[in-house]
Amino acid sequence: FGIQAPATGTSYGGMYIRTDGDTARPFYGYRAGTHSAWTYLDGTTGDWRVNNGGDRLTITDNGFVGIGTTSPTAGLEIVAAGGNAINITQTGTGWCANMQVPASNAANGIYAATYGGGYAASFEAHNTNTTATLNLFKNGGPALRCISTLSTGGTAATDCVVAVVGGTDSEPGGGGFIVVGSVVGAN
């Protein structure tokens, strides 16, 4: 079975599957022994899906991509039933992930939240004992800001590397936001 289309330049060439009903599902299927999978266009929603034992990948008509969900609400949404939702391995140089917000925008580069018993974020380094697990780079302003309450009533100093905003600290002898050494000795 072969297809050859006399397309040139930027024209399309290939196979086209069409159904007449608006809610129909044109598909292309695969089967090997007892295993089967197919791709199809959902005529009701306009979403393109990959089915392999269920709908596993969805690309909506507005460009959202869902893995493990048929109704993604973000550019990429991954819903994992077990294990890790995403693993990234970088075997060369550079970054495993690089997230940037243009200077004209006010979005957050990364937002992590947990509503269960786990951590919002965990970082681990296995190179040497002298390798830092986390590096914070400062470019005009605090490199780390800790907000102790949902209300951000305080203002962090802009000339310090670490600023703790909000709440009430304790005497050095009784502990506090940052304690260095024993609480009964010099802090």
C-alpha atoms as a PDB file:
ATOM      1  CA  PHE A   1       0.000   0.000   0.000  1.00  0.00           C
ATOM      2  CA  GLY A   2       1.512   3.319  -0.986  1.00  0.00           C
ATOM      3  CA  ILE A   3       0.459   6.901  -1.475  1.00  0.00           C
ATOM      4  CA  GLN A   4       2.151   9.365  -3.755  1.00  0.00           C
ATOM      5  CA  ALA A   5       0.793  12.881  -4.099  1.00  0.00           C
ATOM      6  CA  PRO A   6       1.981  15.321  -6.737  1.00  0.00           C
ATOM      7  CA  ALA A   7       2.394  18.063  -4.103  1.00  0.00           C
ATOM      8  CA  THR A   8       5.047  20.721  -4.446  1.00  0.00           C
ATOM      9  CA  GLY A   9       6.165  23.694  -2.397  1.00  0.00           C
ATOM     10  CA  THR A  10       4.142  23.975   0.815  1.00  0.00           C
ATOM     11  CA  SER A  11       1.138  22.000  -0.448  1.00  0.00           C
ATOM     12  CA  TYR A  12      -0.229  19.052   1.500  1.00  0.00           C
ATOM     13  CA  GLY A  13       0.231  15.532   0.135  1.00  0.00           C
ATOM     14  CA  GLY A  14      -0.978  12.318   1.731  1.00  0.00           C
ATOM     15  CA  MET A  15      -4.114  10.526   2.854  1.00  0.00           C
ATOM     16  CA  TYR A  16      -7.368  12.171   3.906  1.00  0.00           C
ATOM     17  CA  ILE A  17     -10.202  10.519   5.860  1.00  0.00           C
ATOM     18  CA  ARG A  18     -13.589  12.199   5.847  1.00  0.00           C
ATOM     19  CA  THR A  19     -16.999  11.513   7.385  1.00  0.00           C
ATOM     20  CA  ASP A  20     -20.223  13.277   6.435  1.00  0.00           C
ATOM     21  CA  GLY A  21     -21.728  13.624   9.934  1.00  0.00           C
ATOM     22  CA  ASP A  22     -20.679  16.528  12.163  1.00  0.00           C
ATOM     23  CA  THR A  23     -20.489  14.278  15.236  1.00  0.00           C
ATOM     24  CA  ALA A  24     -18.831  11.312  13.506  1.00  0.00           C
ATOM     25  CA  ARG A  25     -15.288  10.177  14.312  1.00  0.00           C
ATOM     26  CA  PRO A  26     -12.996   9.646  11.330  1.00  0.00           C
ATOM     27  CA  PHE A  27     -10.160   7.380  12.459  1.00  0.00           C
ATOM     28  CA  TYR A  28      -7.094   5.469  11.381  1.00  0.00           C
ATOM     29  CA  GLY A  29      -6.551   2.195  13.189  1.00  0.00           C
ATOM     30  CA  TYR A  30      -3.708  -0.215  13.882  1.00  0.00           C
ATOM     31  CA  ARG A  31      -3.766  -3.845  15.002  1.00  0.00           C
ATOM     32  CA  ALA A  32      -0.967  -6.266  15.822  1.00  0.00           C
ATOM     33  CA  GLY A  33      -2.152  -9.637  17.164  1.00  0.00           C
ATOM     34  CA  THR A  34      -4.364  -8.858  20.136  1.00  0.00           C
ATOM     35  CA  HIS A  35      -3.191  -5.228  20.458  1.00  0.00           C
ATOM     36  CA  SER A  36      -5.019  -2.367  18.771  1.00  0.00           C
ATOM     37  CA  ALA A  37      -4.787   1.408  18.750  1.00  0.00           C
ATOM     38  CA  TRP A  38      -6.180   4.225  16.645  1.00  0.00           C
ATOM     39  CA  THR A  39      -6.170   7.955  16.127  1.00  0.00           C
ATOM     40  CA  TYR A  40      -9.377   9.849  15.491  1.00  0.00           C
ATOM     41  CA  LEU A  41     -10.972  13.271  15.218  1.00  0.00           C
ATOM     42  CA  ASP A  42     -13.875  13.829  17.614  1.00  0.00           C
ATOM     43  CA  GLY A  43     -16.450  15.547  15.429  1.00  0.00           C
ATOM     44  CA  THR A  44     -18.396  16.811  18.445  1.00  0.00           C
ATOM     45  CA  THR A  45     -15.498  18.689  20.091  1.00  0.00           C
ATOM     46  CA  GLY A  46     -12.976  19.060  17.255  1.00  0.00           C
ATOM     47  CA  ASP A  47     -10.334  17.326  19.409  1.00  0.00           C
ATOM     48  CA  TRP A  48      -7.786  14.922  17.902  1.00  0.00           C
ATOM     49  CA  ARG A  49      -7.140  11.865  20.055  1.00  0.00           C
ATOM     50  CA  VAL A  50      -4.903   8.831  20.303  1.00  0.00           C
ATOM     51  CA  ASN A  51      -6.586   5.734  21.722  1.00  0.00           C
ATOM     52  CA  ASN A  52      -4.480   2.871  23.076  1.00  0.00           C
ATOM     53  CA  GLY A  53      -6.591   0.976  25.579  1.00  0.00           C
ATOM     54  CA  GLY A  54      -8.492   4.246  26.127  1.00  0.00           C
ATOM     55  CA  ASP A  55      -8.035   7.860  25.027  1.00  0.00           C
ATOM     56  CA  ARG A  56      -4.455   8.588  26.148  1.00  0.00           C
ATOM     57  CA  LEU A  57      -3.531  11.754  24.239  1.00  0.00           C
ATOM     58  CA  THR A  58      -5.773  14.680  23.315  1.00  0.00           C
ATOM     59  CA  ILE A  59      -5.002  17.788  21.299  1.00  0.00           C
ATOM     60  CA  THR A  60      -7.878  20.240  21.496  1.00  0.00           C
ATOM     61  CA  ASP A  61      -8.893  22.511  18.650  1.00  0.00           C
ATOM     62  CA  ASN A  62      -7.491  25.486  20.627  1.00  0.00           C
ATOM     63  CA  GLY A  63      -4.030  23.868  20.916  1.00  0.00           C
ATOM     64  CA  PHE A  64      -4.105  22.434  24.450  1.00  0.00           C
ATOM     65  CA  VAL A  65      -2.401  19.040  24.861  1.00  0.00           C
ATOM     66  CA  GLY A  66      -3.606  16.515  27.424  1.00  0.00           C
ATOM     67  CA  ILE A  67      -1.840  13.304  28.421  1.00  0.00           C
ATOM     68  CA  GLY A  68      -4.015  11.125  30.620  1.00  0.00           C
ATOM     69  CA  THR A  69      -6.900  13.586  30.323  1.00  0.00           C
ATOM     70  CA  THR A  70      -9.377  14.290  27.527  1.00  0.00           C
ATOM     71  CA  SER A  71     -10.100  17.839  28.697  1.00  0.00           C
ATOM     72  CA  PRO A  72      -6.791  19.689  29.199  1.00  0.00           C
ATOM     73  CA  THR A  73      -7.024  23.233  30.557  1.00  0.00           C
ATOM     74  CA  ALA A  74      -3.414  24.279  29.893  1.00  0.00           C
ATOM     75  CA  GLY A  75      -0.876  24.257  27.096  1.00  0.00           C
ATOM     76  CA  LEU A  76       0.272  20.872  28.422  1.00  0.00           C
ATOM     77  CA  GLU A  77      -1.589  18.973  31.137  1.00  0.00           C
ATOM     78  CA  ILE A  78      -0.427  15.580  32.382  1.00  0.00           C
ATOM     79  CA  VAL A  79      -2.564  13.430  34.676  1.00  0.00           C
ATOM     80  CA  ALA A  80      -0.780  10.333  35.956  1.00  0.00           C
ATOM     81  CA  ALA A  81      -2.596   7.589  37.858  1.00  0.00           C
ATOM     82  CA  GLY A  82       0.615   6.335  39.445  1.00  0.00           C
ATOM     83  CA  GLY A  83       4.353   6.782  39.389  1.00  0.00           C
ATOM     84  CA  ASN A  84       5.880  10.031  38.205  1.00  0.00           C
ATOM     85  CA  ALA A  85       3.841  12.337  35.986  1.00  0.00           C
ATOM     86  CA  ILE A  86       6.926  13.413  34.043  1.00  0.00           C
ATOM     87  CA  ASN A  87      10.589  12.395  33.884  1.00  0.00           C
ATOM     88  CA  ILE A  88      13.136  14.489  32.001  1.00  0.00           C
ATOM     89  CA  THR A  89      16.655  13.209  31.343  1.00  0.00           C
ATOM     90  CA  GLN A  90      19.337  15.440  29.855  1.00  0.00           C
ATOM     91  CA  THR A  91      22.301  13.436  28.547  1.00  0.00           C
ATOM     92  CA  GLY A  92      24.190  16.403  27.095  1.00  0.00           C
ATOM     93  CA  THR A  93      24.870  19.908  28.301  1.00  0.00           C
ATOM     94  CA  GLY A  94      22.331  22.584  29.116  1.00  0.00           C
ATOM     95  CA  TRP A  95      19.128  22.478  31.151  1.00  0.00           C
ATOM     96  CA  CYS A  96      16.622  19.676  31.666  1.00  0.00           C
ATOM     97  CA  ALA A  97      13.938  22.337  31.738  1.00  0.00           C
ATOM     98  CA  ASN A  98      14.131  26.053  31.041  1.00  0.00           C
ATOM     99  CA  MET A  99      11.120  28.178  31.952  1.00  0.00           C
ATOM    100  CA  GLN A 100      11.126  31.864  31.133  1.00  0.00           C
ATOM    101  CA  VAL A 101       8.668  34.708  31.504  1.00  0.00           C
ATOM    102  CA  PRO A 102       9.279  37.679  29.171  1.00  0.00           C
ATOM    103  CA  ALA A 103      10.180  40.967  30.854  1.00  0.00           C
ATOM    104  CA  SER A 104       6.870  42.507  29.847  1.00  0.00           C
ATOM    105  CA  ASN A 105       4.828  39.806  31.664  1.00  0.00           C
ATOM    106  CA  ALA A 106       4.090  39.277  35.362  1.00  0.00           C
ATOM    107  CA  ALA A 107       3.567  35.490  35.387  1.00  0.00           C
ATOM    108  CA  ASN A 108       5.433  33.106  37.693  1.00  0.00           C
ATOM    109  CA  GLY A 109       8.145  30.939  36.159  1.00  0.00           C
ATOM    110  CA  ILE A 110       7.217  27.955  38.351  1.00  0.00           C
ATOM    111  CA  TYR A 111       4.330  27.347  40.718  1.00  0.00           C
ATOM    112  CA  ALA A 112       4.252  24.205  42.864  1.00  0.00           C
ATOM    113  CA  ALA A 113       1.487  23.303  45.322  1.00  0.00           C
ATOM    114  CA  THR A 114       0.497  20.165  47.178  1.00  0.00           C
ATOM    115  CA  TYR A 115      -2.748  19.474  48.982  1.00  0.00           C
ATOM    116  CA  GLY A 116      -1.742  16.053  50.244  1.00  0.00           C
ATOM    117  CA  GLY A 117       1.007  14.764  52.496  1.00  0.00           C
ATOM    118  CA  GLY A 118       3.922  15.351  50.110  1.00  0.00           C
ATOM    119  CA  TYR A 119       6.202  18.303  49.506  1.00  0.00           C
ATOM    120  CA  ALA A 120       5.398  21.036  47.001  1.00  0.00           C
ATOM    121  CA  ALA A 121       8.946  20.645  45.682  1.00  0.00           C
ATOM    122  CA  SER A 122      11.944  18.462  46.425  1.00  0.00           C
ATOM    123  CA  PHE A 123      15.479  18.982  45.130  1.00  0.00           C
ATOM    124  CA  GLU A 124      18.310  16.493  45.392  1.00  0.00           C
ATOM    125  CA  ALA A 125      21.938  16.498  44.207  1.00  0.00           C
ATOM    126  CA  HIS A 126      24.077  13.352  43.938  1.00  0.00           C
ATOM    127  CA  ASN A 127      27.321  14.665  42.449  1.00  0.00           C
ATOM    128  CA  THR A 128      29.521  15.478  45.448  1.00  0.00           C
ATOM    129  CA  ASN A 129      28.989  16.651  48.995  1.00  0.00           C
ATOM    130  CA  THR A 130      30.182  20.104  47.935  1.00  0.00           C
ATOM    131  CA  THR A 131      27.625  20.389  45.107  1.00  0.00           C
ATOM    132  CA  ALA A 132      24.735  22.645  46.063  1.00  0.00           C
ATOM    133  CA  THR A 133      21.297  21.089  45.733  1.00  0.00           C
ATOM    134  CA  LEU A 134      19.696  24.410  44.882  1.00  0.00           C
ATOM    135  CA  ASN A 135      21.165  27.592  43.445  1.00  0.00           C
ATOM    136  CA  LEU A 136      19.313  30.901  43.679  1.00  0.00           C
ATOM    137  CA  PHE A 137      20.519  33.651  41.366  1.00  0.00           C
ATOM    138  CA  LYS A 138      19.871  37.284  42.196  1.00  0.00           C
ATOM    139  CA  ASN A 139      19.398  39.972  39.556  1.00  0.00           C
ATOM    140  CA  GLY A 140      18.269  43.031  41.485  1.00  0.00           C
ATOM    141  CA  GLY A 141      16.141  42.086  44.499  1.00  0.00           C
ATOM    142  CA  PRO A 142      15.950  39.240  47.010  1.00  0.00           C
ATOM    143  CA  ALA A 143      17.091  35.849  45.765  1.00  0.00           C
ATOM    144  CA  LEU A 144      14.725  34.173  48.256  1.00  0.00           C
ATOM    145  CA  ARG A 145      11.593  35.549  49.882  1.00  0.00           C
ATOM    146  CA  CYS A 146       9.654  33.589  52.512  1.00  0.00           C
ATOM    147  CA  ILE A 147       6.092  34.739  53.125  1.00  0.00           C
ATOM    148  CA  SER A 148       4.811  33.352  56.409  1.00  0.00           C
ATOM    149  CA  THR A 149       1.120  34.128  55.856  1.00  0.00           C
ATOM    150  CA  LEU A 150      -1.228  34.462  52.922  1.00  0.00           C
ATOM    151  CA  SER A 151      -1.247  38.206  53.553  1.00  0.00           C
ATOM    152  CA  THR A 152       1.872  39.877  52.197  1.00  0.00           C
ATOM    153  CA  GLY A 153       1.662  42.931  54.397  1.00  0.00           C
ATOM    154  CA  GLY A 154       5.410  43.227  54.886  1.00  0.00           C
ATOM    155  CA  THR A 155       7.971  44.559  52.463  1.00  0.00           C
ATOM    156  CA  ALA A 156      11.246  42.715  52.012  1.00  0.00           C
ATOM    157  CA  ALA A 157      14.458  44.670  51.879  1.00  0.00           C
ATOM    158  CA  THR A 158      15.668  44.801  48.307  1.00  0.00           C
ATOM    159  CA  ASP A 159      19.349  44.771  49.237  1.00  0.00           C
ATOM    160  CA  CYS A 160      19.478  41.404  51.023  1.00  0.00           C
ATOM    161  CA  VAL A 161      19.854  37.907  49.653  1.00  0.00           C
ATOM    162  CA  VAL A 162      17.268  36.338  52.001  1.00  0.00           C
ATOM    163  CA  ALA A 163      14.190  38.195  53.197  1.00  0.00           C
ATOM    164  CA  VAL A 164      11.478  36.840  55.522  1.00  0.00           C
ATOM    165  CA  VAL A 165       8.214  38.745  55.099  1.00  0.00           C
ATOM    166  CA  GLY A 166       5.203  38.781  57.440  1.00  0.00           C
ATOM    167  CA  GLY A 167       4.551  37.236  60.811  1.00  0.00           C
ATOM    168  CA  THR A 168       6.310  37.935  64.125  1.00  0.00           C
ATOM    169  CA  ASP A 169       9.750  36.569  64.916  1.00  0.00           C
ATOM    170  CA  SER A 170      10.803  35.395  68.379  1.00  0.00           C
ATOM    171  CA  GLU A 171      13.709  36.409  70.567  1.00  0.00           C
ATOM    172  CA  PRO A 172      16.947  34.798  69.363  1.00  0.00           C
ATOM    173  CA  GLY A 173      17.018  32.627  72.505  1.00  0.00           C
ATOM    174  CA  GLY A 174      13.591  31.141  71.781  1.00  0.00           C
ATOM    175  CA  GLY A 175      13.868  30.292  68.112  1.00  0.00           C
ATOM    176  CA  GLY A 176      12.475  32.150  65.126  1.00  0.00           C
ATOM    177  CA  PHE A 177      12.233  32.118  61.347  1.00  0.00           C
ATOM    178  CA  ILE A 178      15.955  31.442  60.979  1.00  0.00           C
ATOM    179  CA  VAL A 179      17.957  29.842  63.787  1.00  0.00           C
ATOM    180  CA  VAL A 180      21.704  29.281  63.553  1.00  0.00           C
ATOM    181  CA  GLY A 181      23.066  27.229  66.414  1.00  0.00           C
ATOM    182  CA  SER A 182      21.331  26.266  69.622  1.00  0.00           C
ATOM    183  CA  VAL A 183      18.276  28.240  70.769  1.00  0.00           C
ATOM    184  CA  VAL A 184      19.758  28.370  74.296  1.00  0.00           C
ATOM    185  CA  GLY A 185      23.082  29.784  73.108  1.00  0.00           C
ATOM    186  CA  ALA A 186      24.240  32.410  70.680  1.00  0.00           C
ATOM    187  CA  ASN A 187      22.129  32.579  67.487  1.00  0.00           C
END
